[in-house]
Amino acid sequence: MIGRPMPSRVRAAYRAEMRAARTTTGPEARWRHLERAHIISQPWPWPHTANHIAMFALAVRLRDRREALGQVVRIIVAAPGSALGRYPEGNSGRAMVGLTQPMPMPADLAELLQTA
């Protein structure tokens, strides 16, 4: 949300998920943390974009061309989508999911974002 800072509690959760994505072993666990960070970051343009950059880096590291290409597209549209409030809530941010497809949000993240 342009001009609206990320609340400290939300920022702490986002940073914790991003840190876990960097330090956890195993690609599935890393993706899970990046997906959770994506859901948290969607309303804020720069964290949302940073999350897609991290997803792109993981896809490249794993040599997943389809995912990497999907992340390039998402890097381009993340900030404008967030700034305009046009993002699908709960979307995991992965290339296998449509750009505009809403998804069920984990209960803990829904509660966190509702208080934001």
PDB file of N, CA and C in Angstrom:
ATOM      1  N   MET A   1       0.851  -1.159   0.000  1.00  0.00           N
ATOM      2  CA  MET A   1       0.000   0.000   0.000  1.00  0.00           C
ATOM      3  C   MET A   1       0.895   1.219   0.000  1.00  0.00           C
ATOM      4  N   ILE A   2       0.754   1.984  -1.031  1.00  0.00           N
ATOM      5  CA  ILE A   2       1.625   3.136  -1.207  1.00  0.00           C
ATOM      6  C   ILE A   2       1.412   4.139  -0.090  1.00  0.00           C
ATOM      7  N   GLY A   3       2.496   4.580   0.480  1.00  0.00           N
ATOM      8  CA  GLY A   3       2.424   5.566   1.536  1.00  0.00           C
ATOM      9  C   GLY A   3       2.063   5.014   2.900  1.00  0.00           C
ATOM     10  N   ARG A   4       1.723   3.766   2.971  1.00  0.00           N
ATOM     11  CA  ARG A   4       1.372   3.149   4.248  1.00  0.00           C
ATOM     12  C   ARG A   4       2.466   2.158   4.623  1.00  0.00           C
ATOM     13  N   PRO A   5       3.201   2.439   5.676  1.00  0.00           N
ATOM     14  CA  PRO A   5       4.300   1.528   6.035  1.00  0.00           C
ATOM     15  C   PRO A   5       3.783   0.181   6.531  1.00  0.00           C
ATOM     16  N   MET A   6       4.604  -0.816   6.348  1.00  0.00           N
ATOM     17  CA  MET A   6       4.276  -2.153   6.838  1.00  0.00           C
ATOM     18  C   MET A   6       4.340  -2.116   8.371  1.00  0.00           C
ATOM     19  N   PRO A   7       3.264  -2.519   9.048  1.00  0.00           N
ATOM     20  CA  PRO A   7       3.291  -2.526  10.512  1.00  0.00           C
ATOM     21  C   PRO A   7       4.434  -3.404  11.042  1.00  0.00           C
ATOM     22  N   SER A   8       4.978  -3.024  12.181  1.00  0.00           N
ATOM     23  CA  SER A   8       6.161  -3.716  12.704  1.00  0.00           C
ATOM     24  C   SER A   8       5.914  -5.206  12.916  1.00  0.00           C
ATOM     25  N   ARG A   9       4.748  -5.584  13.379  1.00  0.00           N
ATOM     26  CA  ARG A   9       4.448  -7.002  13.589  1.00  0.00           C
ATOM     27  C   ARG A   9       4.439  -7.774  12.259  1.00  0.00           C
ATOM     28  N   VAL A  10       3.892  -7.149  11.233  1.00  0.00           N
ATOM     29  CA  VAL A  10       3.853  -7.767   9.908  1.00  0.00           C
ATOM     30  C   VAL A  10       5.263  -7.840   9.338  1.00  0.00           C
ATOM     31  N   ARG A  11       6.014  -6.758   9.473  1.00  0.00           N
ATOM     32  CA  ARG A  11       7.402  -6.739   8.981  1.00  0.00           C
ATOM     33  C   ARG A  11       8.240  -7.826   9.659  1.00  0.00           C
ATOM     34  N   ALA A  12       8.054  -8.016  10.963  1.00  0.00           N
ATOM     35  CA  ALA A  12       8.798  -9.051  11.688  1.00  0.00           C
ATOM     36  C   ALA A  12       8.457 -10.442  11.147  1.00  0.00           C
ATOM     37  N   ALA A  13       7.184 -10.679  10.873  1.00  0.00           N
ATOM     38  CA  ALA A  13       6.767 -11.983  10.330  1.00  0.00           C
ATOM     39  C   ALA A  13       7.337 -12.185   8.926  1.00  0.00           C
ATOM     40  N   TYR A  14       7.294 -11.122   8.114  1.00  0.00           N
ATOM     41  CA  TYR A  14       7.845 -11.194   6.759  1.00  0.00           C
ATOM     42  C   TYR A  14       9.345 -11.501   6.800  1.00  0.00           C
ATOM     43  N   ARG A  15      10.067 -10.766   7.633  1.00  0.00           N
ATOM     44  CA  ARG A  15      11.514 -10.996   7.744  1.00  0.00           C
ATOM     45  C   ARG A  15      11.835 -12.390   8.262  1.00  0.00           C
ATOM     46  N   ALA A  16      11.044 -12.877   9.194  1.00  0.00           N
ATOM     47  CA  ALA A  16      11.270 -14.232   9.729  1.00  0.00           C
ATOM     48  C   ALA A  16      11.087 -15.279   8.632  1.00  0.00           C
ATOM     49  N   GLU A  17      10.068 -15.116   7.804  1.00  0.00           N
ATOM     50  CA  GLU A  17       9.841 -16.077   6.712  1.00  0.00           C
ATOM     51  C   GLU A  17      10.963 -15.983   5.672  1.00  0.00           C
ATOM     52  N   MET A  18      11.389 -14.769   5.351  1.00  0.00           N
ATOM     53  CA  MET A  18      12.471 -14.612   4.374  1.00  0.00           C
ATOM     54  C   MET A  18      13.780 -15.188   4.921  1.00  0.00           C
ATOM     55  N   ARG A  19      14.042 -14.971   6.196  1.00  0.00           N
ATOM     56  CA  ARG A  19      15.255 -15.523   6.827  1.00  0.00           C
ATOM     57  C   ARG A  19      15.188 -17.056   6.821  1.00  0.00           C
ATOM     58  N   ALA A  20      14.029 -17.600   7.157  1.00  0.00           N
ATOM     59  CA  ALA A  20      13.866 -19.062   7.162  1.00  0.00           C
ATOM     60  C   ALA A  20      14.054 -19.621   5.750  1.00  0.00           C
ATOM     61  N   ALA A  21      13.593 -18.899   4.746  1.00  0.00           N
ATOM     62  CA  ALA A  21      13.762 -19.360   3.363  1.00  0.00           C
ATOM     63  C   ALA A  21      15.239 -19.425   2.984  1.00  0.00           C
ATOM     64  N   ARG A  22      16.041 -18.531   3.538  1.00  0.00           N
ATOM     65  CA  ARG A  22      17.480 -18.529   3.236  1.00  0.00           C
ATOM     66  C   ARG A  22      18.236 -19.600   4.008  1.00  0.00           C
ATOM     67  N   THR A  23      17.775 -19.931   5.196  1.00  0.00           N
ATOM     68  CA  THR A  23      18.562 -20.801   6.076  1.00  0.00           C
ATOM     69  C   THR A  23      18.049 -22.234   6.169  1.00  0.00           C
ATOM     70  N   THR A  24      16.820 -22.465   5.763  1.00  0.00           N
ATOM     71  CA  THR A  24      16.257 -23.816   5.825  1.00  0.00           C
ATOM     72  C   THR A  24      16.881 -24.682   4.739  1.00  0.00           C
ATOM     73  N   THR A  25      17.094 -25.943   5.062  1.00  0.00           N
ATOM     74  CA  THR A  25      17.613 -26.850   4.041  1.00  0.00           C
ATOM     75  C   THR A  25      16.441 -27.512   3.326  1.00  0.00           C
ATOM     76  N   GLY A  26      16.643 -27.805   2.081  1.00  0.00           N
ATOM     77  CA  GLY A  26      15.618 -28.471   1.286  1.00  0.00           C
ATOM     78  C   GLY A  26      14.769 -27.479   0.520  1.00  0.00           C
ATOM     79  N   PRO A  27      14.644 -27.692  -0.785  1.00  0.00           N
ATOM     80  CA  PRO A  27      13.912 -26.745  -1.628  1.00  0.00           C
ATOM     81  C   PRO A  27      12.431 -26.609  -1.269  1.00  0.00           C
ATOM     82  N   GLU A  28      11.775 -27.678  -0.900  1.00  0.00           N
ATOM     83  CA  GLU A  28      10.340 -27.577  -0.571  1.00  0.00           C
ATOM     84  C   GLU A  28      10.111 -26.673   0.631  1.00  0.00           C
ATOM     85  N   ALA A  29      10.943 -26.810   1.643  1.00  0.00           N
ATOM     86  CA  ALA A  29      10.809 -25.953   2.826  1.00  0.00           C
ATOM     87  C   ALA A  29      11.117 -24.503   2.466  1.00  0.00           C
ATOM     88  N   ARG A  30      12.112 -24.295   1.627  1.00  0.00           N
ATOM     89  CA  ARG A  30      12.431 -22.922   1.205  1.00  0.00           C
ATOM     90  C   ARG A  30      11.266 -22.306   0.448  1.00  0.00           C
ATOM     91  N   TRP A  31      10.672 -23.064  -0.473  1.00  0.00           N
ATOM     92  CA  TRP A  31       9.519 -22.546  -1.214  1.00  0.00           C
ATOM     93  C   TRP A  31       8.368 -22.230  -0.263  1.00  0.00           C
ATOM     94  N   ARG A  32       8.132 -23.096   0.697  1.00  0.00           N
ATOM     95  CA  ARG A  32       7.029 -22.874   1.642  1.00  0.00           C
ATOM     96  C   ARG A  32       7.206 -21.550   2.385  1.00  0.00           C
ATOM     97  N   HIS A  33       8.418 -21.259   2.824  1.00  0.00           N
ATOM     98  CA  HIS A  33       8.674 -19.995   3.523  1.00  0.00           C
ATOM     99  C   HIS A  33       8.543 -18.798   2.573  1.00  0.00           C
ATOM    100  N   LEU A  34       9.019 -18.951   1.357  1.00  0.00           N
ATOM    101  CA  LEU A  34       8.877 -17.860   0.386  1.00  0.00           C
ATOM    102  C   LEU A  34       7.415 -17.616   0.037  1.00  0.00           C
ATOM    103  N   GLU A  35       6.624 -18.673  -0.058  1.00  0.00           N
ATOM    104  CA  GLU A  35       5.193 -18.523  -0.332  1.00  0.00           C
ATOM    105  C   GLU A  35       4.503 -17.778   0.805  1.00  0.00           C
ATOM    106  N   ARG A  36       4.843 -18.123   2.036  1.00  0.00           N
ATOM    107  CA  ARG A  36       4.251 -17.434   3.192  1.00  0.00           C
ATOM    108  C   ARG A  36       4.687 -15.966   3.216  1.00  0.00           C
ATOM    109  N   ALA A  37       5.955 -15.701   2.915  1.00  0.00           N
ATOM    110  CA  ALA A  37       6.438 -14.322   2.856  1.00  0.00           C
ATOM    111  C   ALA A  37       5.715 -13.561   1.741  1.00  0.00           C
ATOM    112  N   HIS A  38       5.420 -14.250   0.652  1.00  0.00           N
ATOM    113  CA  HIS A  38       4.702 -13.621  -0.462  1.00  0.00           C
ATOM    114  C   HIS A  38       3.316 -13.168  -0.027  1.00  0.00           C
ATOM    115  N   ILE A  39       2.611 -14.037   0.645  1.00  0.00           N
ATOM    116  CA  ILE A  39       1.261 -13.694   1.108  1.00  0.00           C
ATOM    117  C   ILE A  39       1.318 -12.480   2.035  1.00  0.00           C
ATOM    118  N   ILE A  40       2.280 -12.473   2.921  1.00  0.00           N
ATOM    119  CA  ILE A  40       2.429 -11.355   3.860  1.00  0.00           C
ATOM    120  C   ILE A  40       2.748 -10.059   3.115  1.00  0.00           C
ATOM    121  N   SER A  41       3.595 -10.132   2.107  1.00  0.00           N
ATOM    122  CA  SER A  41       4.126  -8.926   1.458  1.00  0.00           C
ATOM    123  C   SER A  41       3.220  -8.317   0.401  1.00  0.00           C
ATOM    124  N   GLN A  42       2.217  -9.021  -0.060  1.00  0.00           N
ATOM    125  CA  GLN A  42       1.427  -8.544  -1.201  1.00  0.00           C
ATOM    126  C   GLN A  42       0.926  -7.100  -1.102  1.00  0.00           C
ATOM    127  N   PRO A  43       0.467  -6.622   0.031  1.00  0.00           N
ATOM    128  CA  PRO A  43      -0.042  -5.239   0.061  1.00  0.00           C
ATOM    129  C   PRO A  43       1.035  -4.145  -0.025  1.00  0.00           C
ATOM    130  N   TRP A  44       2.292  -4.491   0.069  1.00  0.00           N
ATOM    131  CA  TRP A  44       3.372  -3.489   0.077  1.00  0.00           C
ATOM    132  C   TRP A  44       4.293  -3.702  -1.123  1.00  0.00           C
ATOM    133  N   PRO A  45       4.421  -2.700  -2.004  1.00  0.00           N
ATOM    134  CA  PRO A  45       5.139  -2.875  -3.279  1.00  0.00           C
ATOM    135  C   PRO A  45       6.568  -3.397  -3.170  1.00  0.00           C
ATOM    136  N   TRP A  46       7.399  -2.811  -2.305  1.00  0.00           N
ATOM    137  CA  TRP A  46       8.811  -3.194  -2.323  1.00  0.00           C
ATOM    138  C   TRP A  46       9.073  -4.537  -1.657  1.00  0.00           C
ATOM    139  N   PRO A  47       8.477  -4.847  -0.519  1.00  0.00           N
ATOM    140  CA  PRO A  47       8.662  -6.201   0.017  1.00  0.00           C
ATOM    141  C   PRO A  47       8.120  -7.280  -0.936  1.00  0.00           C
ATOM    142  N   HIS A  48       7.008  -6.969  -1.596  1.00  0.00           N
ATOM    143  CA  HIS A  48       6.412  -7.908  -2.550  1.00  0.00           C
ATOM    144  C   HIS A  48       7.386  -8.189  -3.694  1.00  0.00           C
ATOM    145  N   THR A  49       7.989  -7.123  -4.216  1.00  0.00           N
ATOM    146  CA  THR A  49       8.957  -7.285  -5.300  1.00  0.00           C
ATOM    147  C   THR A  49      10.199  -8.041  -4.817  1.00  0.00           C
ATOM    148  N   ALA A  50      10.677  -7.698  -3.631  1.00  0.00           N
ATOM    149  CA  ALA A  50      11.850  -8.387  -3.073  1.00  0.00           C
ATOM    150  C   ALA A  50      11.587  -9.878  -2.906  1.00  0.00           C
ATOM    151  N   ASN A  51      10.366 -10.221  -2.542  1.00  0.00           N
ATOM    152  CA  ASN A  51      10.006 -11.626  -2.396  1.00  0.00           C
ATOM    153  C   ASN A  51      10.101 -12.339  -3.744  1.00  0.00           C
ATOM    154  N   HIS A  52       9.599 -11.706  -4.798  1.00  0.00           N
ATOM    155  CA  HIS A  52       9.683 -12.342  -6.123  1.00  0.00           C
ATOM    156  C   HIS A  52      11.131 -12.448  -6.599  1.00  0.00           C
ATOM    157  N   ILE A  53      11.956 -11.502  -6.238  1.00  0.00           N
ATOM    158  CA  ILE A  53      13.378 -11.604  -6.585  1.00  0.00           C
ATOM    159  C   ILE A  53      14.002 -12.803  -5.876  1.00  0.00           C
ATOM    160  N   ALA A  54      13.640 -13.024  -4.616  1.00  0.00           N
ATOM    161  CA  ALA A  54      14.140 -14.194  -3.876  1.00  0.00           C
ATOM    162  C   ALA A  54      13.624 -15.485  -4.503  1.00  0.00           C
ATOM    163  N   MET A  55      12.371 -15.483  -4.953  1.00  0.00           N
ATOM    164  CA  MET A  55      11.822 -16.666  -5.632  1.00  0.00           C
ATOM    165  C   MET A  55      12.564 -16.933  -6.942  1.00  0.00           C
ATOM    166  N   PHE A  56      12.862 -15.865  -7.675  1.00  0.00           N
ATOM    167  CA  PHE A  56      13.623 -16.000  -8.903  1.00  0.00           C
ATOM    168  C   PHE A  56      14.999 -16.602  -8.622  1.00  0.00           C
ATOM    169  N   ALA A  57      15.666 -16.099  -7.593  1.00  0.00           N
ATOM    170  CA  ALA A  57      17.004 -16.600  -7.252  1.00  0.00           C
ATOM    171  C   ALA A  57      16.965 -18.086  -6.900  1.00  0.00           C
ATOM    172  N   LEU A  58      15.947 -18.498  -6.156  1.00  0.00           N
ATOM    173  CA  LEU A  58      15.829 -19.920  -5.810  1.00  0.00           C
ATOM    174  C   LEU A  58      15.554 -20.755  -7.056  1.00  0.00           C
ATOM    175  N   ALA A  59      14.689 -20.257  -7.924  1.00  0.00           N
ATOM    176  CA  ALA A  59      14.398 -20.999  -9.158  1.00  0.00           C
ATOM    177  C   ALA A  59      15.649 -21.162 -10.003  1.00  0.00           C
ATOM    178  N   VAL A  60      16.457 -20.120 -10.109  1.00  0.00           N
ATOM    179  CA  VAL A  60      17.712 -20.194 -10.870  1.00  0.00           C
ATOM    180  C   VAL A  60      18.656 -21.195 -10.203  1.00  0.00           C
ATOM    181  N   ARG A  61      18.770 -21.115  -8.877  1.00  0.00           N
ATOM    182  CA  ARG A  61      19.641 -22.040  -8.139  1.00  0.00           C
ATOM    183  C   ARG A  61      19.227 -23.493  -8.380  1.00  0.00           C
ATOM    184  N   LEU A  62      17.908 -23.718  -8.498  1.00  0.00           N
ATOM    185  CA  LEU A  62      17.393 -25.072  -8.713  1.00  0.00           C
ATOM    186  C   LEU A  62      17.313 -25.444 -10.198  1.00  0.00           C
ATOM    187  N   ARG A  63      17.710 -24.511 -11.050  1.00  0.00           N
ATOM    188  CA  ARG A  63      17.669 -24.706 -12.509  1.00  0.00           C
ATOM    189  C   ARG A  63      16.252 -25.002 -13.007  1.00  0.00           C
ATOM    190  N   ASP A  64      15.289 -24.311 -12.434  1.00  0.00           N
ATOM    191  CA  ASP A  64      13.884 -24.460 -12.812  1.00  0.00           C
ATOM    192  C   ASP A  64      13.530 -23.309 -13.750  1.00  0.00           C
ATOM    193  N   ARG A  65      13.655 -23.558 -15.038  1.00  0.00           N
ATOM    194  CA  ARG A  65      13.468 -22.502 -16.035  1.00  0.00           C
ATOM    195  C   ARG A  65      12.049 -21.948 -16.045  1.00  0.00           C
ATOM    196  N   ARG A  66      11.064 -22.824 -15.926  1.00  0.00           N
ATOM    197  CA  ARG A  66       9.669 -22.379 -15.948  1.00  0.00           C
ATOM    198  C   ARG A  66       9.388 -21.437 -14.778  1.00  0.00           C
ATOM    199  N   GLU A  67       9.847 -21.830 -13.604  1.00  0.00           N
ATOM    200  CA  GLU A  67       9.631 -20.998 -12.424  1.00  0.00           C
ATOM    201  C   GLU A  67      10.394 -19.673 -12.554  1.00  0.00           C
ATOM    202  N   ALA A  68      11.620 -19.730 -13.036  1.00  0.00           N
ATOM    203  CA  ALA A  68      12.412 -18.509 -13.183  1.00  0.00           C
ATOM    204  C   ALA A  68      11.742 -17.531 -14.143  1.00  0.00           C
ATOM    205  N   LEU A  69      11.260 -18.021 -15.266  1.00  0.00           N
ATOM    206  CA  LEU A  69      10.581 -17.154 -16.228  1.00  0.00           C
ATOM    207  C   LEU A  69       9.305 -16.570 -15.619  1.00  0.00           C
ATOM    208  N   GLY A  70       8.548 -17.404 -14.905  1.00  0.00           N
ATOM    209  CA  GLY A  70       7.345 -16.916 -14.235  1.00  0.00           C
ATOM    210  C   GLY A  70       7.655 -15.844 -13.214  1.00  0.00           C
ATOM    211  N   GLN A  71       8.777 -15.965 -12.547  1.00  0.00           N
ATOM    212  CA  GLN A  71       9.164 -14.962 -11.554  1.00  0.00           C
ATOM    213  C   GLN A  71       9.599 -13.656 -12.211  1.00  0.00           C
ATOM    214  N   VAL A  72      10.197 -13.718 -13.391  1.00  0.00           N
ATOM    215  CA  VAL A  72      10.562 -12.487 -14.098  1.00  0.00           C
ATOM    216  C   VAL A  72       9.304 -11.658 -14.359  1.00  0.00           C
ATOM    217  N   VAL A  73       8.263 -12.304 -14.838  1.00  0.00           N
ATOM    218  CA  VAL A  73       6.997 -11.616 -15.090  1.00  0.00           C
ATOM    219  C   VAL A  73       6.456 -11.032 -13.789  1.00  0.00           C
ATOM    220  N   ARG A  74       6.506 -11.800 -12.727  1.00  0.00           N
ATOM    221  CA  ARG A  74       5.980 -11.354 -11.434  1.00  0.00           C
ATOM    222  C   ARG A  74       6.801 -10.210 -10.832  1.00  0.00           C
ATOM    223  N   ILE A  75       8.098 -10.220 -11.062  1.00  0.00           N
ATOM    224  CA  ILE A  75       8.942  -9.117 -10.591  1.00  0.00           C
ATOM    225  C   ILE A  75       8.478  -7.812 -11.241  1.00  0.00           C
ATOM    226  N   ILE A  76       8.133  -7.877 -12.509  1.00  0.00           N
ATOM    227  CA  ILE A  76       7.704  -6.693 -13.254  1.00  0.00           C
ATOM    228  C   ILE A  76       6.362  -6.156 -12.750  1.00  0.00           C
ATOM    229  N   VAL A  77       5.432  -7.039 -12.430  1.00  0.00           N
ATOM    230  CA  VAL A  77       4.078  -6.581 -12.072  1.00  0.00           C
ATOM    231  C   VAL A  77       3.832  -6.470 -10.566  1.00  0.00           C
ATOM    232  N   ALA A  78       4.749  -6.941  -9.734  1.00  0.00           N
ATOM    233  CA  ALA A  78       4.511  -6.963  -8.283  1.00  0.00           C
ATOM    234  C   ALA A  78       4.290  -5.573  -7.698  1.00  0.00           C
ATOM    235  N   ALA A  79       5.202  -4.653  -7.929  1.00  0.00           N
ATOM    236  CA  ALA A  79       5.079  -3.321  -7.318  1.00  0.00           C
ATOM    237  C   ALA A  79       3.844  -2.572  -7.815  1.00  0.00           C
ATOM    238  N   PRO A  80       3.605  -2.514  -9.125  1.00  0.00           N
ATOM    239  CA  PRO A  80       2.389  -1.822  -9.565  1.00  0.00           C
ATOM    240  C   PRO A  80       1.110  -2.471  -9.026  1.00  0.00           C
ATOM    241  N   GLY A  81       1.072  -3.797  -9.017  1.00  0.00           N
ATOM    242  CA  GLY A  81      -0.112  -4.489  -8.500  1.00  0.00           C
ATOM    243  C   GLY A  81      -0.366  -4.174  -7.039  1.00  0.00           C
ATOM    244  N   SER A  82       0.687  -4.182  -6.246  1.00  0.00           N
ATOM    245  CA  SER A  82       0.550  -3.853  -4.827  1.00  0.00           C
ATOM    246  C   SER A  82       0.129  -2.401  -4.643  1.00  0.00           C
ATOM    247  N   ALA A  83       0.765  -1.503  -5.368  1.00  0.00           N
ATOM    248  CA  ALA A  83       0.475  -0.075  -5.232  1.00  0.00           C
ATOM    249  C   ALA A  83      -0.974   0.240  -5.584  1.00  0.00           C
ATOM    250  N   LEU A  84      -1.521  -0.501  -6.534  1.00  0.00           N
ATOM    251  CA  LEU A  84      -2.899  -0.271  -6.958  1.00  0.00           C
ATOM    252  C   LEU A  84      -3.901  -1.117  -6.182  1.00  0.00           C
ATOM    253  N   GLY A  85      -3.398  -1.975  -5.285  1.00  0.00           N
ATOM    254  CA  GLY A  85      -4.282  -2.849  -4.527  1.00  0.00           C
ATOM    255  C   GLY A  85      -4.886  -3.952  -5.379  1.00  0.00           C
ATOM    256  N   ARG A  86      -4.227  -4.289  -6.477  1.00  0.00           N
ATOM    257  CA  ARG A  86      -4.726  -5.310  -7.402  1.00  0.00           C
ATOM    258  C   ARG A  86      -3.834  -6.547  -7.331  1.00  0.00           C
ATOM    259  N   TYR A  87      -4.060  -7.333  -6.320  1.00  0.00           N
ATOM    260  CA  TYR A  87      -3.322  -8.577  -6.142  1.00  0.00           C
ATOM    261  C   TYR A  87      -4.298  -9.598  -5.577  1.00  0.00           C
ATOM    262  N   PRO A  88      -4.125 -10.858  -5.941  1.00  0.00           N
ATOM    263  CA  PRO A  88      -5.043 -11.893  -5.457  1.00  0.00           C
ATOM    264  C   PRO A  88      -4.645 -12.380  -4.059  1.00  0.00           C
ATOM    265  N   GLU A  89      -5.473 -12.094  -3.088  1.00  0.00           N
ATOM    266  CA  GLU A  89      -5.156 -12.471  -1.710  1.00  0.00           C
ATOM    267  C   GLU A  89      -4.915 -13.966  -1.586  1.00  0.00           C
ATOM    268  N   GLY A  90      -3.906 -14.300  -0.810  1.00  0.00           N
ATOM    269  CA  GLY A  90      -3.580 -15.694  -0.542  1.00  0.00           C
ATOM    270  C   GLY A  90      -2.765 -16.373  -1.625  1.00  0.00           C
ATOM    271  N   ASN A  91      -2.581 -15.712  -2.761  1.00  0.00           N
ATOM    272  CA  ASN A  91      -1.834 -16.307  -3.873  1.00  0.00           C
ATOM    273  C   ASN A  91      -0.405 -16.597  -3.420  1.00  0.00           C
ATOM    274  N   SER A  92       0.087 -17.794  -3.753  1.00  0.00           N
ATOM    275  CA  SER A  92       1.404 -18.224  -3.287  1.00  0.00           C
ATOM    276  C   SER A  92       2.563 -17.552  -4.003  1.00  0.00           C
ATOM    277  N   GLY A  93       2.304 -16.941  -5.157  1.00  0.00           N
ATOM    278  CA  GLY A  93       3.363 -16.262  -5.896  1.00  0.00           C
ATOM    279  C   GLY A  93       4.174 -17.145  -6.806  1.00  0.00           C
ATOM    280  N   ARG A  94       3.856 -18.425  -6.854  1.00  0.00           N
ATOM    281  CA  ARG A  94       4.614 -19.355  -7.692  1.00  0.00           C
ATOM    282  C   ARG A  94       4.118 -19.303  -9.132  1.00  0.00           C
ATOM    283  N   ALA A  95       4.970 -19.707 -10.067  1.00  0.00           N
ATOM    284  CA  ALA A  95       4.645 -19.680 -11.488  1.00  0.00           C
ATOM    285  C   ALA A  95       3.554 -20.680 -11.853  1.00  0.00           C
ATOM    286  N   MET A  96       3.384 -21.720 -11.044  1.00  0.00           N
ATOM    287  CA  MET A  96       2.354 -22.722 -11.351  1.00  0.00           C
ATOM    288  C   MET A  96       0.944 -22.229 -11.027  1.00  0.00           C
ATOM    289  N   VAL A  97       0.861 -21.054 -10.399  1.00  0.00           N
ATOM    290  CA  VAL A  97      -0.419 -20.468 -10.018  1.00  0.00           C
ATOM    291  C   VAL A  97      -0.641 -19.227 -10.868  1.00  0.00           C
ATOM    292  N   GLY A  98      -1.844 -19.052 -11.365  1.00  0.00           N
ATOM    293  CA  GLY A  98      -2.151 -17.879 -12.184  1.00  0.00           C
ATOM    294  C   GLY A  98      -1.878 -16.576 -11.443  1.00  0.00           C
ATOM    295  N   LEU A  99      -1.480 -15.555 -12.194  1.00  0.00           N
ATOM    296  CA  LEU A  99      -1.154 -14.254 -11.611  1.00  0.00           C
ATOM    297  C   LEU A  99      -2.317 -13.638 -10.836  1.00  0.00           C
ATOM    298  N   THR A 100      -3.538 -13.909 -11.261  1.00  0.00           N
ATOM    299  CA  THR A 100      -4.700 -13.269 -10.641  1.00  0.00           C
ATOM    300  C   THR A 100      -5.563 -14.243  -9.844  1.00  0.00           C
ATOM    301  N   GLN A 101      -5.054 -15.424  -9.584  1.00  0.00           N
ATOM    302  CA  GLN A 101      -5.836 -16.457  -8.900  1.00  0.00           C
ATOM    303  C   GLN A 101      -5.762 -16.314  -7.379  1.00  0.00           C
ATOM    304  N   PRO A 102      -6.883 -15.952  -6.735  1.00  0.00           N
ATOM    305  CA  PRO A 102      -6.869 -15.929  -5.267  1.00  0.00           C
ATOM    306  C   PRO A 102      -6.795 -17.360  -4.728  1.00  0.00           C
ATOM    307  N   MET A 103      -6.224 -17.504  -3.553  1.00  0.00           N
ATOM    308  CA  MET A 103      -6.079 -18.822  -2.939  1.00  0.00           C
ATOM    309  C   MET A 103      -6.456 -18.703  -1.463  1.00  0.00           C
ATOM    310  N   PRO A 104      -6.817 -19.827  -0.853  1.00  0.00           N
ATOM    311  CA  PRO A 104      -7.092 -19.779   0.586  1.00  0.00           C
ATOM    312  C   PRO A 104      -5.843 -19.329   1.340  1.00  0.00           C
ATOM    313  N   MET A 105      -6.056 -18.473   2.302  1.00  0.00           N
ATOM    314  CA  MET A 105      -4.936 -17.941   3.072  1.00  0.00           C
ATOM    315  C   MET A 105      -4.791 -18.733   4.370  1.00  0.00           C
ATOM    316  N   PRO A 106      -3.563 -19.102   4.746  1.00  0.00           N
ATOM    317  CA  PRO A 106      -3.379 -19.758   6.042  1.00  0.00           C
ATOM    318  C   PRO A 106      -3.972 -18.887   7.155  1.00  0.00           C
ATOM    319  N   ALA A 107      -4.620 -19.526   8.105  1.00  0.00           N
ATOM    320  CA  ALA A 107      -5.345 -18.804   9.162  1.00  0.00           C
ATOM    321  C   ALA A 107      -4.441 -17.841   9.928  1.00  0.00           C
ATOM    322  N   ASP A 108      -3.205 -18.267  10.227  1.00  0.00           N
ATOM    323  CA  ASP A 108      -2.335 -17.373  10.996  1.00  0.00           C
ATOM    324  C   ASP A 108      -1.962 -16.120  10.216  1.00  0.00           C
ATOM    325  N   LEU A 109      -1.791 -16.260   8.904  1.00  0.00           N
ATOM    326  CA  LEU A 109      -1.447 -15.091   8.094  1.00  0.00           C
ATOM    327  C   LEU A 109      -2.666 -14.193   7.880  1.00  0.00           C
ATOM    328  N   ALA A 110      -3.833 -14.794   7.742  1.00  0.00           N
ATOM    329  CA  ALA A 110      -5.061 -14.004   7.616  1.00  0.00           C
ATOM    330  C   ALA A 110      -5.264 -13.150   8.865  1.00  0.00           C
ATOM    331  N   GLU A 111      -5.044 -13.734  10.026  1.00  0.00           N
ATOM    332  CA  GLU A 111      -5.183 -13.000  11.277  1.00  0.00           C
ATOM    333  C   GLU A 111      -4.155 -11.874  11.373  1.00  0.00           C
ATOM    334  N   LEU A 112      -2.922 -12.188  11.000  1.00  0.00           N
ATOM    335  CA  LEU A 112      -1.851 -11.188  11.035  1.00  0.00           C
ATOM    336  C   LEU A 112      -2.189  -9.998  10.147  1.00  0.00           C
ATOM    337  N   LEU A 113      -2.622 -10.274   8.913  1.00  0.00           N
ATOM    338  CA  LEU A 113      -2.902  -9.206   7.971  1.00  0.00           C
ATOM    339  C   LEU A 113      -4.191  -8.461   8.287  1.00  0.00           C
ATOM    340  N   GLN A 114      -5.115  -9.132   8.916  1.00  0.00           N
ATOM    341  CA  GLN A 114      -6.370  -8.481   9.288  1.00  0.00           C
ATOM    342  C   GLN A 114      -6.121  -7.392  10.334  1.00  0.00           C
ATOM    343  N   THR A 115      -5.179  -7.631  11.211  1.00  0.00           N
ATOM    344  CA  THR A 115      -4.867  -6.642  12.245  1.00  0.00           C
ATOM    345  C   THR A 115      -4.010  -5.499  11.687  1.00  0.00           C
ATOM    346  N   ALA A 116      -3.450  -5.703  10.488  1.00  0.00           N
ATOM    347  CA  ALA A 116      -2.626  -4.661   9.867  1.00  0.00           C
ATOM    348  C   ALA A 116      -3.533  -3.629   9.254  1.00  0.00           C
TER     349      ALA A 116
END
